[in-house]
Every structure is written in structure tokens, then in C-alpha cells.
Amino acid sequence: MNTIPERRAARPIEIGKWLRPAAPALGVIAALIVGTGLLMLAKVDPVMAYGVMIKGAFGGPRQIQETILKAVPLVLVALGLSVALHGRQWNIGGEGQYFIGALFGTLVAVTFTNWPAILLIPATLLAAMVGGGLWAAIPAYLKVRRGMNEIISTLMLNYIGVLLVEYLVRGPLQDPESFLPESAQFVQAARMPAVVGRLHLGVLLALLLAPLVYLLIWRTPIGFRLRAVGSQSKVARTAGIDPAWSIAFALIFSGALSGLAGIIEVSYLHTRLKGASISGGYGFSGILVALISRLNPFAVLLVAVFFAALTIGMDAMHSLAKVPATLADALQALVVLFVLAAEAIARRGEQ
């Protein structure tokens, strides 16, 4: 008598387990179908437009390298956020931490210009991590000591961080030989060296950090304490785990990786500190990458490449297929929304 209801109850769970891994792909397909209708309304050939999008991101060695380079800051920001979110700390301040990390790294790069690359590059990377970590330590302190919600504090610090950099590159840090709002150009020894083609050392760092973050979360006492606090802070406190320490570590570690992303992007792509143009919204996009990857560091690599390919492909669609910029942005937003919706539906199916 009881076996039939049990089978019926188990069916949604089985469907959810099957649907969850395929959710991102299903979301992309659904978005492309809707996007096809929008392209046809705009009198653009969808087959041609999507072909240009794919070629723009993966059409050759140079396009593939550009996609990978675009994915590096997303990987670093998302890895840090994965650690923070395992401790249930919503760090929305990746963008500000990215800028402050770039600022700290720049200060080292333009100050110690006589240092050899073997010392100067690690010093700039370390300084950037310190800067991003210190910027994240502010909301950590406010959360632990004053009980302030970290979502609000990290979000507000984004604007302060960006505007602080904007001010400095127009004043104290502005290159005296330039009329543009930018710092002095980095010496060659301070720039990220290329490893293969245009792929630089930051690509290797991102690949190395993914397994290290995985080990940190799942194979260390620190990761256990983080997950315990993220699961139930009251139970963790009863077990002798200090939630304050875990909260501070989660936010500071996340900020350090965002700062690292900032200096890597500045030292290789821009070769000097500039204003808001040094970021493509990586601090916010990294949140989506972390969530869609389900906080799995290895999945972060794939999702970051997908987001990078989507951005580059949409730019190619606009410039080569003459798709209006607003429509290209709408198509990109559709893909993100449909993927998140598919994830939510699949997650409900598992409950």
C-alpha cells in the first residue's frame, strides 16, 4: 500500500538529479531560441549572427586565447566568492576589491622600478592581494563587531573603491607626461610575462588556484570550519568553532583574490592604472560565475570561459554581423537569465 506513494514521491527527486547537470545547457538553448525570434524581428539572419558569435570566441588560436584571457579575472573573483559563499558570506564587493588590489599593485610597480622581474612581479601580486584583502576586512570588521549586513557594506564599498582610484589617477598618481587620467606606465619587469602566445602567467595562476581552493574548502580544517559556520552558525559555535574568525577569513580571502585579478588585468592588458575602464564588471560577473558553478572550483573554470566567450562573441556579433549593440546586450542578458532560471527549476526539482 505504501510503495506507490513512495515511488511517486521519489520521481521528482530523480528528475531533479537528472535535470541539474543539464540545466546550464538547457538554459542556453532556451535563450538562443528566444534570441532567434528577436534577431528575426530585427531583420538579422540568426544563423549568420550565431555563427559570427561562435567564431568571435573560438574561431582560431587568437580568438581562443582572447577568450581565455577574458576568463582569468572571472576565475579569480569567482574562486574567492566560492570560499566566501561556502561560509555564507555574500561578498558583493568584488569590484571595489578588484580596483583597490590594482591600486596597491600599481603603487609597488611604479615605485620599485629598479627591481628585477623575479622580485617585482611577485611583489605586485602580493601587494594587490593585501590591498583587496584589506578592503574586504572593512565589511568583515563591521559584520563581526557591529553586526552590519555584509551585502550592504561590500556593495557600498564598491563605489568608494572605484571613485578613489578615479581620483588618484587624476591627481597624485597621474602620469606627469600624460593628459589622460592614468598612472605612469609599468616598466617591463612589472608586467605579466607571456607564457604561450598571448597567454600570460596569470592563466597558470588561475589554473593552479582552482585545485588549491578545492583542497582549502574540502580537505582542510579551515574549510571545515567555513562550511560548518555556513551550514549553521549556532551549531558551529556549540562545537567550539568561532564564527567571527570564519567570517573574517571568508571575506578577506575573497577580497585578496579579487585584488589579484585586478593587478593581473592591469599589468598585462593596460600596463598602467586607469579609471573605471580597467574592469569589465568582473566583480559582479564573478558572482554569477560562482553561483552557476555551484561553488565548485573546477566548474568555475568552465563557467568563466563560457561567460568570457559570451562577452567576446556578442561583441563580434555587434561589430561584424551589424547586430545593434542594445540587442547584443539583451541577448547576453537573456542567456544569463535563462541559465539562472534553469538552475532554480532544477534545484526545486531536487527538493
Protein backbone atom coordinates (compact mmCIF):
# COMPACT_ATOMS: atom_id res chain seq x y z
CA MET A 1 0.00 0.00 0.00
CA ASN A 2 2.81 2.43 0.86
CA THR A 3 5.09 1.56 -2.04
CA ILE A 4 3.13 3.51 -4.70
CA PRO A 5 3.21 6.88 -2.86
CA GLU A 6 6.92 6.36 -2.16
CA ARG A 7 7.62 5.82 -5.86
CA ARG A 8 5.60 8.91 -6.79
CA ALA A 9 7.46 10.98 -4.19
CA ALA A 10 10.81 9.79 -5.44
CA ARG A 11 10.11 10.68 -9.06
CA PRO A 12 10.57 14.49 -8.76
CA ILE A 13 13.86 13.91 -6.95
CA GLU A 14 15.09 11.62 -9.74
CA ILE A 15 14.04 14.19 -12.33
CA GLY A 16 15.83 16.91 -10.39
CA LYS A 17 19.04 14.89 -10.19
CA TRP A 18 18.90 14.31 -13.95
CA LEU A 19 17.99 17.90 -14.77
CA ARG A 20 20.51 19.68 -12.53
CA PRO A 21 23.68 18.82 -14.52
CA ALA A 22 21.96 19.70 -17.79
CA ALA A 23 20.39 22.93 -16.52
CA PRO A 24 23.03 25.35 -17.87
CA ALA A 25 22.93 23.80 -21.35
CA LEU A 26 19.12 23.82 -21.38
CA GLY A 27 19.12 27.45 -20.28
CA VAL A 28 21.48 28.41 -23.10
CA ILE A 29 19.36 26.57 -25.68
CA ALA A 30 16.18 28.25 -24.47
CA ALA A 31 17.87 31.67 -24.56
CA LEU A 32 19.13 31.10 -28.10
CA ILE A 33 15.64 30.11 -29.23
CA VAL A 34 14.16 33.29 -27.81
CA GLY A 35 17.10 35.24 -29.20
CA THR A 36 16.38 33.84 -32.65
CA GLY A 37 12.97 35.45 -32.54
CA LEU A 38 14.47 38.79 -31.51
CA LEU A 39 17.05 38.64 -34.30
CA MET A 40 14.37 37.88 -36.87
CA LEU A 41 12.33 40.84 -35.64
CA ALA A 42 15.45 42.98 -36.14
CA LYS A 43 15.77 41.52 -39.67
CA VAL A 44 19.08 39.81 -38.88
CA ASP A 45 19.85 36.29 -40.07
CA PRO A 46 20.09 34.25 -36.83
CA VAL A 47 22.30 31.54 -38.36
CA MET A 48 24.79 34.12 -39.58
CA ALA A 49 24.69 36.05 -36.30
CA TYR A 50 25.26 33.00 -34.10
CA GLY A 51 27.98 31.80 -36.46
CA VAL A 52 29.79 35.12 -36.05
CA MET A 53 29.36 34.86 -32.28
CA ILE A 54 30.97 31.41 -32.15
CA LYS A 55 33.79 32.39 -34.50
CA GLY A 56 34.44 35.53 -32.50
CA ALA A 57 35.08 33.46 -29.37
CA PHE A 58 36.55 30.21 -30.77
CA GLY A 59 37.23 30.86 -34.47
CA GLY A 60 41.01 30.44 -34.27
CA PRO A 61 44.04 30.38 -31.97
CA ARG A 62 43.94 34.14 -31.36
CA GLN A 63 40.21 34.15 -30.60
CA ILE A 64 40.60 31.22 -28.21
CA GLN A 65 43.48 32.98 -26.43
CA GLU A 66 41.44 36.16 -26.08
CA THR A 67 38.57 34.17 -24.58
CA ILE A 68 40.89 32.53 -22.07
CA LEU A 69 42.42 35.89 -21.14
CA LYS A 70 38.94 37.33 -20.60
CA ALA A 71 38.12 34.39 -18.34
CA VAL A 72 41.12 34.81 -16.00
CA PRO A 73 39.75 37.67 -13.83
CA LEU A 74 36.36 35.94 -13.73
CA VAL A 75 38.01 32.75 -12.46
CA LEU A 76 39.93 34.54 -9.73
CA VAL A 77 36.96 36.59 -8.50
CA ALA A 78 34.63 33.56 -8.61
CA LEU A 79 37.09 31.33 -6.73
CA GLY A 80 37.26 33.85 -3.92
CA LEU A 81 33.50 34.19 -3.86
CA SER A 82 33.12 30.40 -3.74
CA VAL A 83 35.09 30.37 -0.50
CA ALA A 84 33.05 33.24 0.93
CA LEU A 85 29.72 31.69 -0.06
CA HIS A 86 30.65 28.35 1.48
CA GLY A 87 30.82 30.34 4.72
CA ARG A 88 27.51 32.00 3.76
CA GLN A 89 29.14 35.41 3.40
CA TRP A 90 27.72 37.39 0.49
CA ASN A 91 30.67 39.41 -0.71
CA ILE A 92 29.16 41.77 -3.28
CA GLY A 93 32.27 43.96 -3.12
CA GLY A 94 34.47 42.14 -5.62
CA GLU A 95 34.50 45.14 -7.94
CA GLY A 96 35.83 47.52 -5.30
CA GLN A 97 38.36 44.95 -4.08
CA TYR A 98 39.46 44.48 -7.70
CA PHE A 99 40.18 48.22 -8.02
CA ILE A 100 41.94 48.52 -4.65
CA GLY A 101 44.07 45.48 -5.45
CA ALA A 102 45.03 47.06 -8.75
CA LEU A 103 45.88 50.27 -6.88
CA PHE A 104 48.14 48.56 -4.31
CA GLY A 105 49.89 46.56 -7.02
CA THR A 106 50.40 49.71 -9.08
CA LEU A 107 51.97 51.52 -6.14
CA VAL A 108 54.61 48.80 -5.90
CA ALA A 109 55.09 48.60 -9.69
CA VAL A 110 55.71 52.34 -10.18
CA THR A 111 57.81 52.73 -7.02
CA PHE A 112 60.35 49.91 -7.23
CA THR A 113 61.11 50.26 -10.92
CA ASN A 114 64.73 49.10 -10.49
CA TRP A 115 63.80 45.70 -9.15
CA PRO A 116 64.22 42.68 -11.40
CA ALA A 117 61.09 40.93 -12.68
CA ILE A 118 61.67 37.90 -10.45
CA LEU A 119 61.13 40.17 -7.42
CA LEU A 120 58.87 42.90 -8.78
CA ILE A 121 56.12 40.69 -10.24
CA PRO A 122 55.61 38.64 -7.04
CA ALA A 123 55.72 41.86 -5.02
CA THR A 124 53.00 43.49 -7.13
CA LEU A 125 50.83 40.37 -6.93
CA LEU A 126 51.27 40.14 -3.15
CA ALA A 127 50.55 43.86 -2.71
CA ALA A 128 47.37 43.51 -4.76
CA MET A 129 46.19 40.61 -2.59
CA VAL A 130 46.94 42.63 0.53
CA GLY A 131 45.00 45.60 -0.86
CA GLY A 132 41.96 43.53 -1.84
CA GLY A 133 42.07 41.71 1.48
CA LEU A 134 42.28 44.93 3.49
CA TRP A 135 39.34 46.40 1.57
CA ALA A 136 37.33 43.27 2.38
CA ALA A 137 38.47 43.45 6.02
CA ILE A 138 36.35 46.60 6.46
CA PRO A 139 32.99 44.83 5.97
CA ALA A 140 34.38 41.84 7.88
CA TYR A 141 35.01 44.07 10.89
CA LEU A 142 31.61 45.74 10.53
CA LYS A 143 29.92 42.33 10.38
CA VAL A 144 31.79 40.75 13.29
CA ARG A 145 31.94 43.75 15.64
CA ARG A 146 28.90 45.80 14.68
CA GLY A 147 26.57 43.20 13.17
CA MET A 148 26.25 45.11 9.87
CA ASN A 149 24.96 43.13 6.91
CA GLU A 150 27.91 42.35 4.62
CA ILE A 151 25.79 42.69 1.48
CA ILE A 152 25.19 46.38 2.18
CA SER A 153 28.73 47.21 3.33
CA THR A 154 30.52 45.39 0.50
CA LEU A 155 28.18 46.88 -2.10
CA MET A 156 28.73 50.44 -0.84
CA LEU A 157 32.50 49.97 -0.71
CA ASN A 158 32.46 49.19 -4.44
CA TYR A 159 31.65 52.80 -5.23
CA ILE A 160 34.21 54.14 -2.79
CA GLY A 161 36.94 51.92 -4.22
CA VAL A 162 36.24 52.83 -7.84
CA LEU A 163 35.94 56.56 -7.10
CA LEU A 164 39.13 56.51 -5.03
CA VAL A 165 41.07 55.08 -7.97
CA GLU A 166 39.39 57.57 -10.30
CA TYR A 167 40.56 60.42 -8.06
CA LEU A 168 44.13 59.15 -7.71
CA VAL A 169 44.72 58.68 -11.45
CA ARG A 170 43.51 62.25 -11.97
CA GLY A 171 45.70 63.64 -9.19
CA PRO A 172 48.52 62.15 -7.10
CA LEU A 173 49.15 59.14 -9.36
CA GLN A 174 48.61 60.77 -12.74
CA ASP A 175 51.48 60.41 -15.18
CA PRO A 176 53.03 63.91 -15.47
CA GLU A 177 53.76 63.24 -19.14
CA SER A 178 50.17 62.40 -19.98
CA PHE A 179 46.99 64.46 -20.14
CA LEU A 180 44.89 61.33 -19.64
CA PRO A 181 43.71 60.08 -16.23
CA GLU A 182 46.25 57.28 -15.85
CA SER A 183 49.35 56.40 -13.87
CA ALA A 184 52.85 56.08 -15.21
CA GLN A 185 53.36 53.10 -17.46
CA PHE A 186 54.69 49.95 -15.82
CA VAL A 187 58.28 49.06 -16.57
CA GLN A 188 58.73 45.81 -18.45
CA ALA A 189 59.83 43.99 -15.30
CA ALA A 190 56.45 44.73 -13.66
CA ARG A 191 54.32 43.34 -16.48
CA MET A 192 52.88 39.83 -16.51
CA PRO A 193 55.11 37.75 -18.79
CA ALA A 194 53.55 35.84 -21.68
CA VAL A 195 53.88 32.06 -21.44
CA VAL A 196 52.36 30.78 -24.71
CA GLY A 197 51.32 33.24 -27.40
CA ARG A 198 49.31 35.91 -25.60
CA LEU A 199 48.57 33.68 -22.63
CA HIS A 200 50.35 35.12 -19.60
CA LEU A 201 51.40 33.89 -16.18
CA GLY A 202 48.01 34.82 -14.75
CA VAL A 203 46.42 31.97 -16.72
CA LEU A 204 48.69 29.47 -14.94
CA LEU A 205 47.92 31.09 -11.58
CA ALA A 206 44.18 30.74 -12.21
CA LEU A 207 44.58 27.07 -13.18
CA LEU A 208 46.71 26.43 -10.10
CA LEU A 209 44.36 28.20 -7.71
CA ALA A 210 41.31 26.12 -8.71
CA PRO A 211 42.59 22.83 -7.17
CA LEU A 212 44.13 24.73 -4.24
CA VAL A 213 40.79 26.36 -3.43
CA TYR A 214 39.09 22.97 -3.72
CA LEU A 215 41.55 21.50 -1.23
CA LEU A 216 41.07 24.50 1.05
CA ILE A 217 37.30 24.08 1.12
CA TRP A 218 37.06 20.29 1.34
CA ARG A 219 40.35 18.99 2.74
CA THR A 220 41.48 21.44 5.44
CA PRO A 221 40.30 22.34 8.95
CA ILE A 222 39.77 25.91 7.74
CA GLY A 223 37.39 24.71 5.07
CA PHE A 224 35.54 22.52 7.57
CA ARG A 225 35.04 25.49 9.91
CA LEU A 226 33.85 27.61 6.99
CA ARG A 227 31.28 25.04 5.91
CA ALA A 228 30.18 24.48 9.49
CA VAL A 229 29.55 28.20 10.02
CA GLY A 230 27.87 28.43 6.63
CA SER A 231 25.61 25.50 7.43
CA GLN A 232 24.53 26.54 10.93
CA SER A 233 26.48 29.12 12.92
CA LYS A 234 24.79 28.28 16.24
CA VAL A 235 25.72 24.61 15.94
CA ALA A 236 29.26 25.59 14.92
CA ARG A 237 29.56 27.83 17.98
CA THR A 238 28.35 24.98 20.19
CA ALA A 239 31.03 22.75 18.68
CA GLY A 240 33.71 25.30 19.63
CA ILE A 241 34.09 26.93 16.21
CA ASP A 242 34.45 30.71 16.30
CA PRO A 243 32.08 32.15 13.65
CA ALA A 244 33.81 35.55 13.79
CA TRP A 245 37.12 34.11 12.65
CA SER A 246 35.50 32.16 9.82
CA ILE A 247 33.51 35.19 8.65
CA ALA A 248 36.62 37.36 8.59
CA PHE A 249 38.67 34.74 6.76
CA ALA A 250 35.98 34.15 4.14
CA LEU A 251 35.64 37.84 3.26
CA ILE A 252 39.35 38.67 3.39
CA PHE A 253 40.33 35.65 1.28
CA SER A 254 37.68 36.53 -1.27
CA GLY A 255 38.89 40.13 -1.37
CA ALA A 256 42.50 39.03 -1.81
CA LEU A 257 41.69 37.01 -4.93
CA SER A 258 39.64 39.88 -6.37
CA GLY A 259 42.60 42.19 -5.79
CA LEU A 260 44.87 39.67 -7.50
CA ALA A 261 42.56 39.70 -10.52
CA GLY A 262 42.81 43.50 -10.64
CA ILE A 263 46.59 43.74 -10.85
CA ILE A 264 46.89 40.86 -13.31
CA GLU A 265 44.48 42.58 -15.69
CA VAL A 266 46.16 45.98 -15.27
CA SER A 267 49.76 44.80 -15.54
CA TYR A 268 49.23 42.80 -18.73
CA LEU A 269 46.38 44.41 -20.65
CA HIS A 270 46.61 48.10 -19.67
CA THR A 271 50.25 48.29 -18.41
CA ARG A 272 49.19 51.24 -16.21
CA LEU A 273 46.45 52.08 -13.73
CA LYS A 274 43.47 53.84 -15.27
CA GLY A 275 39.96 54.65 -14.15
CA ALA A 276 36.81 52.57 -14.49
CA SER A 277 37.98 51.15 -17.84
CA ILE A 278 40.29 48.62 -16.16
CA SER A 279 37.31 46.41 -15.30
CA GLY A 280 34.66 44.81 -17.42
CA GLY A 281 32.38 44.39 -14.42
CA TYR A 282 34.34 41.32 -13.30
CA GLY A 283 33.44 41.82 -9.65
CA PHE A 284 29.73 41.45 -10.43
CA SER A 285 30.05 38.85 -13.20
CA GLY A 286 32.14 36.73 -10.85
CA ILE A 287 29.10 36.36 -8.58
CA LEU A 288 27.13 34.78 -11.42
CA VAL A 289 30.08 32.52 -12.30
CA ALA A 290 30.36 31.31 -8.71
CA LEU A 291 26.62 30.65 -8.38
CA ILE A 292 26.18 28.88 -11.72
CA SER A 293 29.24 26.71 -10.97
CA ARG A 294 27.55 25.78 -7.65
CA LEU A 295 30.64 26.93 -5.75
CA ASN A 296 32.71 24.15 -7.33
CA PRO A 297 36.23 25.50 -8.07
CA PHE A 298 36.71 23.21 -11.07
CA ALA A 299 33.34 24.15 -12.54
CA VAL A 300 34.33 27.79 -12.11
CA LEU A 301 36.94 27.33 -14.84
CA LEU A 302 34.34 26.14 -17.36
CA VAL A 303 31.66 28.68 -16.45
CA ALA A 304 34.18 31.54 -16.58
CA VAL A 305 35.24 30.51 -20.09
CA PHE A 306 31.56 30.37 -21.07
CA PHE A 307 30.95 33.91 -19.78
CA ALA A 308 34.10 35.19 -21.47
CA ALA A 309 33.10 33.55 -24.76
CA LEU A 310 29.62 35.03 -24.46
CA THR A 311 31.01 38.54 -23.96
CA ILE A 312 33.52 38.32 -26.81
CA GLY A 313 31.02 36.58 -29.09
CA MET A 314 28.41 39.28 -28.54
CA ASP A 315 30.97 41.98 -29.28
CA ALA A 316 31.82 40.21 -32.54
CA MET A 317 28.13 39.89 -33.34
CA HIS A 318 27.73 43.64 -32.94
CA SER A 319 30.81 44.66 -34.92
CA LEU A 320 30.77 42.04 -37.70
CA ALA A 321 27.14 40.97 -38.03
CA LYS A 322 25.87 44.54 -37.52
CA VAL A 323 23.57 43.46 -34.72
CA PRO A 324 22.54 46.56 -32.73
CA ALA A 325 24.55 46.92 -29.54
CA THR A 326 21.40 47.04 -27.41
CA LEU A 327 20.14 43.80 -28.96
CA ALA A 328 23.51 42.11 -28.43
CA ASP A 329 23.42 43.15 -24.76
CA ALA A 330 19.84 41.89 -24.49
CA LEU A 331 20.85 38.50 -25.93
CA GLN A 332 23.69 38.24 -23.43
CA ALA A 333 21.33 39.07 -20.57
CA LEU A 334 18.82 36.50 -21.86
CA VAL A 335 21.42 33.74 -21.71
CA VAL A 336 22.33 34.63 -18.11
CA LEU A 337 18.69 34.85 -17.01
CA PHE A 338 17.68 31.58 -18.66
CA VAL A 339 20.66 29.73 -17.20
CA LEU A 340 19.85 31.02 -13.71
CA ALA A 341 16.18 30.15 -14.19
CA ALA A 342 17.05 26.62 -15.31
CA GLU A 343 19.29 26.25 -12.25
CA ALA A 344 16.48 27.38 -9.94
CA ILE A 345 13.98 25.00 -11.53
CA ALA A 346 16.40 22.08 -11.31
CA ARG A 347 17.15 22.90 -7.68
CA ARG A 348 13.46 22.87 -6.83
CA GLY A 349 13.16 19.52 -8.56
CA GLU A 350 15.72 18.07 -6.17
CA GLN A 351 13.76 19.21 -3.08
